[in-house]
Amino acid sequence: MGKVIVVVGPTAVGKTKLAIEIAKHFSCNIISGDSIAVYKGLDIGSAKPTKLEQQQVHHYLIDILDPTEQYNVADFQKNARSIIEKEELSIICGGTGLYVQSVIFDYEFQAKKRDNAFEQKYSSFSNEELYEFLLKKDPQIDKEKIHPHNRKRVLRALEVLEDTKSSIYADRKKDVSVIPHYIVYLSMPREKLYERISKRVDQMIEAGLEQEVYRLYKQNIFPHAIGYREFIPYFEGKKTLSEVTEEIKLNTRHLAKRQETWFRNQMDSHFYMVEEDMDSILERIIKDIERWLKQ
């Protein structure tokens, strides 16, 4: 099993560009840790690396699934580890704390493979009825991660509960590292970060995010991710585009806070404050990684 450099941080902080430069320096590939970038056609909302950026350094786990297919943390763990074990050094760029932990720590996922026949068991339930049933079965379910309209995810949560008598993720051994790793967390003064997030969201709207999400909506595909889920009330005539845009910005700011808290408290992360001179930050990060590699 090879070693892993993890590059994480909030939206718009500059993870992709910095990860590419690190990959060039160490002649290694990048594994995308984004759970939305795996899907074809979900380009704007996931802020995928551009085609030019992907040409500079090979990126794994981008555009590997159709939007109707399922993907979860256990899938990411399996896919990422299969790549890492073939390389001396790899980079994971982006992703939640759970996704990163699942790869570099001894996480075991005990739920059985999805049974397509399970859906028939609840075919008479509406989306709302099915969601209420899930909440009764598991009152502690994370409402931020499972949306009532995401029927497949609700069904999966029910299936895992019935199979394992526990939550959708099981047996997490957080403290046992199985892959040598160096975590780079890119941070930024809050006011400046919020300005960048606001600008990024505006750019996504201008680039056609509404049209991208609407195409999925018409196919009854509801990605439960920031930049996608906020549009449902808009398409239902309950919110304006301006309200949706502001909600995306707010949710992205809240996510940034949660991510930083996770990586500060749950993992041995190395924090780097992003200022104007990215070249100096890159040089410092590379030197720190080189020292780590020699240990």
Foldseek 3Di string as FASTA:
>chain_A
DAAEEEEEAFPLLCQLVLVLVLCVVVVAAEEEQQPQQLEPLLDLLSVDDDPVSCVSGPYPNGHNHHLVDDDDLVNLQVVVLVVRVVDNYYYYTYHFPSSVQSNFFPFDFDFDDDDPCLCVVCVVDDLVRLQVVLCVLPVPDDCLQDDSLQSVVSSLQVSRCVRPVDGNGDDRPLPGTDHHYAYEYEAEPLVVVLVSLLVSLVVSVVVPLLVSLVVCVVVSRQDSDQSRNLCPCVVVVNDPPVVSSVVSSVVSSVVSVVRVVCCVPRHDHDYDYDDDPVVVVSVVVSVVVVVVVVD
